[in-house]
Amino acid sequence: MTPLTSGDVLMFLLILVSLLGLVVLYNLLFIVVDVRRVMKRVQNLMTKVEDTILKPIAIMDHVLTAVMDLFEAKKKKNAKHGFDQRNIK
């Protein structure tokens, strides 16, 4: 049996590191796929939460705009008929 040389040991270590690198990359692939799934679920959840929060705000904005338009119309109507609002007590 021939003795092991430093070149043989170095070649063995290089092969071992290459195999371990392949295993790490293989596992990294599954981790990335799982993270993408989780991020997609988080994105869907955030969209639902955002819709839940923004829908009442949009409704209140619409109602406030309608009320302001109503007041503006009433103010214009009173101004058209010559009604002076400063005389109201």
PDB file of N, CA and C in Angstrom:
ATOM      1  N   MET A   1       0.844  -1.165   0.000  1.00  0.00           N
ATOM      2  CA  MET A   1       0.000   0.000   0.000  1.00  0.00           C
ATOM      3  C   MET A   1       0.899   1.241   0.000  1.00  0.00           C
ATOM      4  N   THR A   2       0.530   2.186  -0.867  1.00  0.00           N
ATOM      5  CA  THR A   2       1.353   3.381  -0.985  1.00  0.00           C
ATOM      6  C   THR A   2       0.958   4.390   0.079  1.00  0.00           C
ATOM      7  N   PRO A   3       1.907   5.153   0.593  1.00  0.00           N
ATOM      8  CA  PRO A   3       1.572   6.139   1.618  1.00  0.00           C
ATOM      9  C   PRO A   3       0.799   7.309   1.008  1.00  0.00           C
ATOM     10  N   LEU A   4      -0.022   7.908   1.863  1.00  0.00           N
ATOM     11  CA  LEU A   4      -0.815   9.073   1.426  1.00  0.00           C
ATOM     12  C   LEU A   4       0.085  10.293   1.350  1.00  0.00           C
ATOM     13  N   THR A   5      -0.065  10.995   0.280  1.00  0.00           N
ATOM     14  CA  THR A   5       0.701  12.229   0.136  1.00  0.00           C
ATOM     15  C   THR A   5      -0.201  13.416   0.442  1.00  0.00           C
ATOM     16  N   SER A   6       0.408  14.580   0.568  1.00  0.00           N
ATOM     17  CA  SER A   6      -0.380  15.781   0.871  1.00  0.00           C
ATOM     18  C   SER A   6      -1.305  16.129  -0.297  1.00  0.00           C
ATOM     19  N   GLY A   7      -0.904  15.782  -1.521  1.00  0.00           N
ATOM     20  CA  GLY A   7      -1.765  16.012  -2.676  1.00  0.00           C
ATOM     21  C   GLY A   7      -3.015  15.157  -2.625  1.00  0.00           C
ATOM     22  N   ASP A   8      -2.868  13.898  -2.147  1.00  0.00           N
ATOM     23  CA  ASP A   8      -4.020  13.011  -2.013  1.00  0.00           C
ATOM     24  C   ASP A   8      -4.998  13.533  -0.958  1.00  0.00           C
ATOM     25  N   VAL A   9      -4.458  13.968   0.157  1.00  0.00           N
ATOM     26  CA  VAL A   9      -5.304  14.504   1.234  1.00  0.00           C
ATOM     27  C   VAL A   9      -6.006  15.775   0.766  1.00  0.00           C
ATOM     28  N   LEU A  10      -5.272  16.619   0.052  1.00  0.00           N
ATOM     29  CA  LEU A  10      -5.861  17.854  -0.459  1.00  0.00           C
ATOM     30  C   LEU A  10      -6.967  17.562  -1.472  1.00  0.00           C
ATOM     31  N   MET A  11      -6.771  16.574  -2.327  1.00  0.00           N
ATOM     32  CA  MET A  11      -7.793  16.183  -3.304  1.00  0.00           C
ATOM     33  C   MET A  11      -9.027  15.627  -2.595  1.00  0.00           C
ATOM     34  N   PHE A  12      -8.825  14.813  -1.550  1.00  0.00           N
ATOM     35  CA  PHE A  12      -9.945  14.271  -0.776  1.00  0.00           C
ATOM     36  C   PHE A  12     -10.739  15.400  -0.119  1.00  0.00           C
ATOM     37  N   LEU A  13     -10.035  16.360   0.473  1.00  0.00           N
ATOM     38  CA  LEU A  13     -10.715  17.491   1.113  1.00  0.00           C
ATOM     39  C   LEU A  13     -11.476  18.336   0.091  1.00  0.00           C
ATOM     40  N   LEU A  14     -10.912  18.514  -1.098  1.00  0.00           N
ATOM     41  CA  LEU A  14     -11.575  19.271  -2.154  1.00  0.00           C
ATOM     42  C   LEU A  14     -12.862  18.574  -2.605  1.00  0.00           C
ATOM     43  N   ILE A  15     -12.811  17.254  -2.755  1.00  0.00           N
ATOM     44  CA  ILE A  15     -14.009  16.489  -3.130  1.00  0.00           C
ATOM     45  C   ILE A  15     -15.043  16.571  -2.024  1.00  0.00           C
ATOM     46  N   LEU A  16     -14.610  16.460  -0.764  1.00  0.00           N
ATOM     47  CA  LEU A  16     -15.529  16.523   0.372  1.00  0.00           C
ATOM     48  C   LEU A  16     -16.203  17.892   0.461  1.00  0.00           C
ATOM     49  N   VAL A  17     -15.433  18.955   0.278  1.00  0.00           N
ATOM     50  CA  VAL A  17     -16.000  20.304   0.323  1.00  0.00           C
ATOM     51  C   VAL A  17     -16.972  20.507  -0.834  1.00  0.00           C
ATOM     52  N   SER A  18     -16.669  19.981  -2.001  1.00  0.00           N
ATOM     53  CA  SER A  18     -17.573  20.098  -3.151  1.00  0.00           C
ATOM     54  C   SER A  18     -18.889  19.382  -2.884  1.00  0.00           C
ATOM     55  N   LEU A  19     -18.821  18.189  -2.306  1.00  0.00           N
ATOM     56  CA  LEU A  19     -20.055  17.454  -1.986  1.00  0.00           C
ATOM     57  C   LEU A  19     -20.875  18.180  -0.927  1.00  0.00           C
ATOM     58  N   LEU A  20     -20.211  18.707   0.085  1.00  0.00           N
ATOM     59  CA  LEU A  20     -20.938  19.457   1.119  1.00  0.00           C
ATOM     60  C   LEU A  20     -21.550  20.731   0.530  1.00  0.00           C
ATOM     61  N   GLY A  21     -20.841  21.368  -0.404  1.00  0.00           N
ATOM     62  CA  GLY A  21     -21.393  22.548  -1.074  1.00  0.00           C
ATOM     63  C   GLY A  21     -22.637  22.210  -1.874  1.00  0.00           C
ATOM     64  N   LEU A  22     -22.620  21.067  -2.547  1.00  0.00           N
ATOM     65  CA  LEU A  22     -23.810  20.631  -3.287  1.00  0.00           C
ATOM     66  C   LEU A  22     -24.980  20.371  -2.357  1.00  0.00           C
ATOM     67  N   VAL A  23     -24.726  19.755  -1.215  1.00  0.00           N
ATOM     68  CA  VAL A  23     -25.798  19.499  -0.243  1.00  0.00           C
ATOM     69  C   VAL A  23     -26.364  20.816   0.280  1.00  0.00           C
ATOM     70  N   VAL A  24     -25.496  21.779   0.564  1.00  0.00           N
ATOM     71  CA  VAL A  24     -25.948  23.086   1.053  1.00  0.00           C
ATOM     72  C   VAL A  24     -26.789  23.786  -0.006  1.00  0.00           C
ATOM     73  N   LEU A  25     -26.352  23.762  -1.262  1.00  0.00           N
ATOM     74  CA  LEU A  25     -27.125  24.390  -2.330  1.00  0.00           C
ATOM     75  C   LEU A  25     -28.474  23.707  -2.529  1.00  0.00           C
ATOM     76  N   TYR A  26     -28.506  22.383  -2.417  1.00  0.00           N
ATOM     77  CA  TYR A  26     -29.754  21.638  -2.552  1.00  0.00           C
ATOM     78  C   TYR A  26     -30.736  22.037  -1.452  1.00  0.00           C
ATOM     79  N   ASN A  27     -30.248  22.122  -0.221  1.00  0.00           N
ATOM     80  CA  ASN A  27     -31.119  22.530   0.885  1.00  0.00           C
ATOM     81  C   ASN A  27     -31.513  23.995   0.769  1.00  0.00           C
ATOM     82  N   LEU A  28     -30.615  24.821   0.267  1.00  0.00           N
ATOM     83  CA  LEU A  28     -30.918  26.237   0.074  1.00  0.00           C
ATOM     84  C   LEU A  28     -32.050  26.423  -0.933  1.00  0.00           C
ATOM     85  N   LEU A  29     -32.096  25.569  -1.932  1.00  0.00           N
ATOM     86  CA  LEU A  29     -33.180  25.618  -2.918  1.00  0.00           C
ATOM     87  C   LEU A  29     -34.537  25.416  -2.246  1.00  0.00           C
ATOM     88  N   PHE A  30     -34.632  24.426  -1.360  1.00  0.00           N
ATOM     89  CA  PHE A  30     -35.893  24.188  -0.661  1.00  0.00           C
ATOM     90  C   PHE A  30     -36.228  25.326   0.297  1.00  0.00           C
ATOM     91  N   ILE A  31     -35.232  25.898   0.914  1.00  0.00           N
ATOM     92  CA  ILE A  31     -35.475  27.016   1.822  1.00  0.00           C
ATOM     93  C   ILE A  31     -36.014  28.212   1.051  1.00  0.00           C
ATOM     94  N   VAL A  32     -35.441  28.496  -0.109  1.00  0.00           N
ATOM     95  CA  VAL A  32     -35.898  29.639  -0.915  1.00  0.00           C
ATOM     96  C   VAL A  32     -37.332  29.431  -1.378  1.00  0.00           C
ATOM     97  N   VAL A  33     -37.662  28.198  -1.801  1.00  0.00           N
ATOM     98  CA  VAL A  33     -39.030  27.912  -2.243  1.00  0.00           C
ATOM     99  C   VAL A  33     -40.009  28.077  -1.087  1.00  0.00           C
ATOM    100  N   ASP A  34     -39.643  27.607   0.105  1.00  0.00           N
ATOM    101  CA  ASP A  34     -40.517  27.760   1.264  1.00  0.00           C
ATOM    102  C   ASP A  34     -40.676  29.219   1.657  1.00  0.00           C
ATOM    103  N   VAL A  35     -39.605  29.986   1.579  1.00  0.00           N
ATOM    104  CA  VAL A  35     -39.687  31.414   1.916  1.00  0.00           C
ATOM    105  C   VAL A  35     -40.581  32.140   0.918  1.00  0.00           C
ATOM    106  N   ARG A  36     -40.520  31.766  -0.352  1.00  0.00           N
ATOM    107  CA  ARG A  36     -41.397  32.389  -1.344  1.00  0.00           C
ATOM    108  C   ARG A  36     -42.860  32.090  -1.030  1.00  0.00           C
ATOM    109  N   ARG A  37     -43.155  30.857  -0.629  1.00  0.00           N
ATOM    110  CA  ARG A  37     -44.539  30.512  -0.267  1.00  0.00           C
ATOM    111  C   ARG A  37     -45.004  31.318   0.934  1.00  0.00           C
ATOM    112  N   VAL A  38     -44.141  31.415   1.927  1.00  0.00           N
ATOM    113  CA  VAL A  38     -44.499  32.170   3.130  1.00  0.00           C
ATOM    114  C   VAL A  38     -44.710  33.635   2.783  1.00  0.00           C
ATOM    115  N   MET A  39     -43.836  34.192   1.961  1.00  0.00           N
ATOM    116  CA  MET A  39     -43.985  35.599   1.590  1.00  0.00           C
ATOM    117  C   MET A  39     -45.248  35.835   0.776  1.00  0.00           C
ATOM    118  N   LYS A  40     -45.629  34.876  -0.054  1.00  0.00           N
ATOM    119  CA  LYS A  40     -46.872  35.011  -0.811  1.00  0.00           C
ATOM    120  C   LYS A  40     -48.067  35.011   0.135  1.00  0.00           C
ATOM    121  N   ARG A  41     -48.038  34.139   1.147  1.00  0.00           N
ATOM    122  CA  ARG A  41     -49.122  34.110   2.134  1.00  0.00           C
ATOM    123  C   ARG A  41     -49.167  35.400   2.944  1.00  0.00           C
ATOM    124  N   VAL A  42     -47.999  35.899   3.324  1.00  0.00           N
ATOM    125  CA  VAL A  42     -47.945  37.158   4.073  1.00  0.00           C
ATOM    126  C   VAL A  42     -48.482  38.297   3.215  1.00  0.00           C
ATOM    127  N   GLN A  43     -48.132  38.304   1.930  1.00  0.00           N
ATOM    128  CA  GLN A  43     -48.620  39.348   1.022  1.00  0.00           C
ATOM    129  C   GLN A  43     -50.146  39.296   0.907  1.00  0.00           C
ATOM    130  N   ASN A  44     -50.705  38.087   0.784  1.00  0.00           N
ATOM    131  CA  ASN A  44     -52.164  37.950   0.719  1.00  0.00           C
ATOM    132  C   ASN A  44     -52.812  38.431   2.009  1.00  0.00           C
ATOM    133  N   LEU A  45     -52.211  38.080   3.138  1.00  0.00           N
ATOM    134  CA  LEU A  45     -52.750  38.512   4.425  1.00  0.00           C
ATOM    135  C   LEU A  45     -52.678  40.027   4.564  1.00  0.00           C
ATOM    136  N   MET A  46     -51.569  40.616   4.151  1.00  0.00           N
ATOM    137  CA  MET A  46     -51.436  42.074   4.241  1.00  0.00           C
ATOM    138  C   MET A  46     -52.432  42.781   3.326  1.00  0.00           C
ATOM    139  N   THR A  47     -52.702  42.197   2.162  1.00  0.00           N
ATOM    140  CA  THR A  47     -53.692  42.779   1.260  1.00  0.00           C
ATOM    141  C   THR A  47     -55.073  42.754   1.897  1.00  0.00           C
ATOM    142  N   LYS A  48     -55.412  41.640   2.543  1.00  0.00           N
ATOM    143  CA  LYS A  48     -56.721  41.554   3.209  1.00  0.00           C
ATOM    144  C   LYS A  48     -56.826  42.537   4.369  1.00  0.00           C
ATOM    145  N   VAL A  49     -55.763  42.654   5.150  1.00  0.00           N
ATOM    146  CA  VAL A  49     -55.775  43.598   6.276  1.00  0.00           C
ATOM    147  C   VAL A  49     -55.870  45.032   5.758  1.00  0.00           C
ATOM    148  N   GLU A  50     -55.142  45.320   4.705  1.00  0.00           N
ATOM    149  CA  GLU A  50     -55.179  46.661   4.116  1.00  0.00           C
ATOM    150  C   GLU A  50     -56.577  46.989   3.596  1.00  0.00           C
ATOM    151  N   ASP A  51     -57.207  46.031   2.929  1.00  0.00           N
ATOM    152  CA  ASP A  51     -58.573  46.259   2.448  1.00  0.00           C
ATOM    153  C   ASP A  51     -59.536  46.454   3.607  1.00  0.00           C
ATOM    154  N   THR A  52     -59.353  45.684   4.666  1.00  0.00           N
ATOM    155  CA  THR A  52     -60.231  45.793   5.826  1.00  0.00           C
ATOM    156  C   THR A  52     -60.089  47.158   6.490  1.00  0.00           C
ATOM    157  N   ILE A  53     -58.889  47.682   6.528  1.00  0.00           N
ATOM    158  CA  ILE A  53     -58.657  48.980   7.166  1.00  0.00           C
ATOM    159  C   ILE A  53     -59.077  50.121   6.247  1.00  0.00           C
ATOM    160  N   LEU A  54     -58.770  50.021   4.969  1.00  0.00           N
ATOM    161  CA  LEU A  54     -59.016  51.136   4.055  1.00  0.00           C
ATOM    162  C   LEU A  54     -60.473  51.259   3.619  1.00  0.00           C
ATOM    163  N   LYS A  55     -61.234  50.173   3.658  1.00  0.00           N
ATOM    164  CA  LYS A  55     -62.633  50.253   3.219  1.00  0.00           C
ATOM    165  C   LYS A  55     -63.445  51.206   4.094  1.00  0.00           C
ATOM    166  N   PRO A  56     -63.398  51.100   5.436  1.00  0.00           N
ATOM    167  CA  PRO A  56     -64.152  52.074   6.246  1.00  0.00           C
ATOM    168  C   PRO A  56     -63.652  53.510   6.068  1.00  0.00           C
ATOM    169  N   ILE A  57     -62.348  53.675   5.872  1.00  0.00           N
ATOM    170  CA  ILE A  57     -61.813  55.014   5.663  1.00  0.00           C
ATOM    171  C   ILE A  57     -62.338  55.597   4.358  1.00  0.00           C
ATOM    172  N   ALA A  58     -62.404  54.780   3.313  1.00  0.00           N
ATOM    173  CA  ALA A  58     -62.930  55.251   2.033  1.00  0.00           C
ATOM    174  C   ALA A  58     -64.416  55.601   2.146  1.00  0.00           C
ATOM    175  N   ILE A  59     -65.163  54.807   2.904  1.00  0.00           N
ATOM    176  CA  ILE A  59     -66.594  55.089   3.095  1.00  0.00           C
ATOM    177  C   ILE A  59     -66.767  56.410   3.851  1.00  0.00           C
ATOM    178  N   MET A  60     -65.970  56.618   4.898  1.00  0.00           N
ATOM    179  CA  MET A  60     -66.073  57.865   5.655  1.00  0.00           C
ATOM    180  C   MET A  60     -65.673  59.059   4.792  1.00  0.00           C
ATOM    181  N   ASP A  61     -64.691  58.889   3.933  1.00  0.00           N
ATOM    182  CA  ASP A  61     -64.293  59.965   3.017  1.00  0.00           C
ATOM    183  C   ASP A  61     -65.429  60.289   2.062  1.00  0.00           C
ATOM    184  N   HIS A  62     -66.089  59.264   1.555  1.00  0.00           N
ATOM    185  CA  HIS A  62     -67.220  59.481   0.645  1.00  0.00           C
ATOM    186  C   HIS A  62     -68.363  60.199   1.361  1.00  0.00           C
ATOM    187  N   VAL A  63     -68.666  59.774   2.579  1.00  0.00           N
ATOM    188  CA  VAL A  63     -69.752  60.400   3.353  1.00  0.00           C
ATOM    189  C   VAL A  63     -69.385  61.847   3.673  1.00  0.00           C
ATOM    190  N   LEU A  64     -68.144  62.086   4.077  1.00  0.00           N
ATOM    191  CA  LEU A  64     -67.724  63.452   4.406  1.00  0.00           C
ATOM    192  C   LEU A  64     -67.780  64.354   3.179  1.00  0.00           C
ATOM    193  N   THR A  65     -67.392  63.831   2.041  1.00  0.00           N
ATOM    194  CA  THR A  65     -67.472  64.608   0.798  1.00  0.00           C
ATOM    195  C   THR A  65     -68.921  64.940   0.459  1.00  0.00           C
ATOM    196  N   ALA A  66     -69.818  63.976   0.644  1.00  0.00           N
ATOM    197  CA  ALA A  66     -71.236  64.213   0.363  1.00  0.00           C
ATOM    198  C   ALA A  66     -71.804  65.275   1.314  1.00  0.00           C
ATOM    199  N   VAL A  67     -71.434  65.204   2.582  1.00  0.00           N
ATOM    200  CA  VAL A  67     -71.928  66.182   3.564  1.00  0.00           C
ATOM    201  C   VAL A  67     -71.392  67.567   3.231  1.00  0.00           C
ATOM    202  N   MET A  68     -70.117  67.651   2.869  1.00  0.00           N
ATOM    203  CA  MET A  68     -69.540  68.950   2.510  1.00  0.00           C
ATOM    204  C   MET A  68     -70.209  69.512   1.258  1.00  0.00           C
ATOM    205  N   ASP A  69     -70.501  68.664   0.278  1.00  0.00           N
ATOM    206  CA  ASP A  69     -71.215  69.115  -0.913  1.00  0.00           C
ATOM    207  C   ASP A  69     -72.614  69.607  -0.566  1.00  0.00           C
ATOM    208  N   LEU A  70     -73.259  68.929   0.372  1.00  0.00           N
ATOM    209  CA  LEU A  70     -74.593  69.336   0.816  1.00  0.00           C
ATOM    210  C   LEU A  70     -74.542  70.715   1.471  1.00  0.00           C
ATOM    211  N   PHE A  71     -73.560  70.934   2.338  1.00  0.00           N
ATOM    212  CA  PHE A  71     -73.415  72.239   2.980  1.00  0.00           C
ATOM    213  C   PHE A  71     -73.091  73.323   1.959  1.00  0.00           C
ATOM    214  N   GLU A  72     -72.238  72.996   0.992  1.00  0.00           N
ATOM    215  CA  GLU A  72     -71.902  73.969  -0.046  1.00  0.00           C
ATOM    216  C   GLU A  72     -73.143  74.335  -0.868  1.00  0.00           C
ATOM    217  N   ALA A  73     -73.957  73.338  -1.195  1.00  0.00           N
ATOM    218  CA  ALA A  73     -75.169  73.600  -1.973  1.00  0.00           C
ATOM    219  C   ALA A  73     -76.145  74.457  -1.169  1.00  0.00           C
ATOM    220  N   LYS A  74     -76.260  74.161   0.134  1.00  0.00           N
ATOM    221  CA  LYS A  74     -77.164  74.936   0.973  1.00  0.00           C
ATOM    222  C   LYS A  74     -76.657  76.373   1.113  1.00  0.00           C
ATOM    223  N   LYS A  75     -75.356  76.536   1.221  1.00  0.00           N
ATOM    224  CA  LYS A  75     -74.770  77.869   1.333  1.00  0.00           C
ATOM    225  C   LYS A  75     -75.002  78.672   0.054  1.00  0.00           C
ATOM    226  N   LYS A  76     -74.841  78.029  -1.102  1.00  0.00           N
ATOM    227  CA  LYS A  76     -75.090  78.701  -2.367  1.00  0.00           C
ATOM    228  C   LYS A  76     -76.568  79.044  -2.522  1.00  0.00           C
ATOM    229  N   LYS A  77     -77.443  78.165  -2.068  1.00  0.00           N
ATOM    230  CA  LYS A  77     -78.887  78.406  -2.168  1.00  0.00           C
ATOM    231  C   LYS A  77     -79.277  79.602  -1.303  1.00  0.00           C
ATOM    232  N   ASN A  78     -78.728  79.661  -0.091  1.00  0.00           N
ATOM    233  CA  ASN A  78     -79.033  80.789   0.792  1.00  0.00           C
ATOM    234  C   ASN A  78     -78.465  82.085   0.231  1.00  0.00           C
ATOM    235  N   ALA A  79     -77.289  82.028  -0.371  1.00  0.00           N
ATOM    236  CA  ALA A  79     -76.691  83.234  -0.945  1.00  0.00           C
ATOM    237  C   ALA A  79     -77.475  83.684  -2.170  1.00  0.00           C
ATOM    238  N   LYS A  80     -78.048  82.742  -2.893  1.00  0.00           N
ATOM    239  CA  LYS A  80     -78.816  83.069  -4.091  1.00  0.00           C
ATOM    240  C   LYS A  80     -80.108  83.803  -3.728  1.00  0.00           C
ATOM    241  N   HIS A  81     -80.718  83.447  -2.601  1.00  0.00           N
ATOM    242  CA  HIS A  81     -81.982  84.064  -2.198  1.00  0.00           C
ATOM    243  C   HIS A  81     -81.786  85.335  -1.387  1.00  0.00           C
ATOM    244  N   GLY A  82     -80.576  85.785  -1.228  1.00  0.00           N
ATOM    245  CA  GLY A  82     -80.324  87.027  -0.520  1.00  0.00           C
ATOM    246  C   GLY A  82     -80.396  86.868   0.989  1.00  0.00           C
ATOM    247  N   PHE A  83     -80.222  85.684   1.501  1.00  0.00           N
ATOM    248  CA  PHE A  83     -80.284  85.435   2.934  1.00  0.00           C
ATOM    249  C   PHE A  83     -78.933  85.749   3.533  1.00  0.00           C
ATOM    250  N   ASP A  84     -78.917  86.640   4.527  1.00  0.00           N
ATOM    251  CA  ASP A  84     -77.676  87.035   5.151  1.00  0.00           C
ATOM    252  C   ASP A  84     -77.443  86.174   6.383  1.00  0.00           C
ATOM    253  N   GLN A  85     -76.372  85.421   6.396  1.00  0.00           N
ATOM    254  CA  GLN A  85     -76.115  84.499   7.496  1.00  0.00           C
ATOM    255  C   GLN A  85     -75.592  85.218   8.730  1.00  0.00           C
ATOM    256  N   ARG A  86     -75.174  86.463   8.626  1.00  0.00           N
ATOM    257  CA  ARG A  86     -74.659  87.186   9.791  1.00  0.00           C
ATOM    258  C   ARG A  86     -75.772  87.615  10.737  1.00  0.00           C
ATOM    259  N   ASN A  87     -77.009  87.605  10.273  1.00  0.00           N
ATOM    260  CA  ASN A  87     -78.125  88.019  11.127  1.00  0.00           C
ATOM    261  C   ASN A  87     -78.672  86.877  11.969  1.00  0.00           C
ATOM    262  N   ILE A  88     -78.109  85.682  11.828  1.00  0.00           N
ATOM    263  CA  ILE A  88     -78.604  84.520  12.585  1.00  0.00           C
ATOM    264  C   ILE A  88     -78.044  84.582  13.999  1.00  0.00           C
ATOM    265  N   LYS A  89     -78.955  84.398  14.994  1.00  0.00           N
ATOM    266  CA  LYS A  89     -78.516  84.414  16.404  1.00  0.00           C
ATOM    267  C   LYS A  89     -78.762  83.102  17.056  1.00  0.00           C
TER     268      LYS A  89
END
